[in-house]
Amino acid sequence: MNDMISTMPPDARVWVYQSNSVLSDAEVIAIKSEGAHFISDWAAHGASLKASFDILYNRFIVIAVDEQQAMASGCSIDKSVKFVKELEHKFNLNLFDRMQVAYKKGEEINVCSLSEFEKLAAQGLVNELTIVFNNMVTSKKLFDTQWQVPLKQSWQNRVLA
């Protein structure tokens, strides 16, 4: 069992779930404990998956699986989604709203709806250099290089038009 995404190989498969609210330190501890238990039992067609589970910035749940050992099957991916939905319910979170934009303002991470983000851009409160989080990354390599990027390099850059 591994709870650090940093140790996963570049081609590891990654899923990022963004919380609608900042998790308290107590919630992070509880969720990490449940995540560690989940990935220790996670399997695909009976084969154990080498996986990691981590929470970054008290807001992002990151699950990764090294598919060199065993491929994550549709059933095993469904189990991970079910687990995340259970976390959502248990901790009263929203982890599946892909229309929420997370961005850095200094060292602080803010989250707002895409329409609110468009208004911030129109007002000049965010610009092409604002760091945004691309939770659509699918591999460890992309996570390392494209998860936190300037707005001008992200899918959200359409708000700059």
Foldseek 3Di string as FASTA:
>chain_A
DAADLVPADQFWWKFKWFWPDQADPVLQVVVQVVVVVCLVPQDDPPHRWDKHWHDPPSTMIMITTRCVRPDQDPVSVVVVVVSVVVSCVVVVIDGPPPQWKWWDDDNDIDIDGLVVVLVCLVVVVAHQQIWTADSPDTGSNCCVPPGTGGCVPDPSVVSND
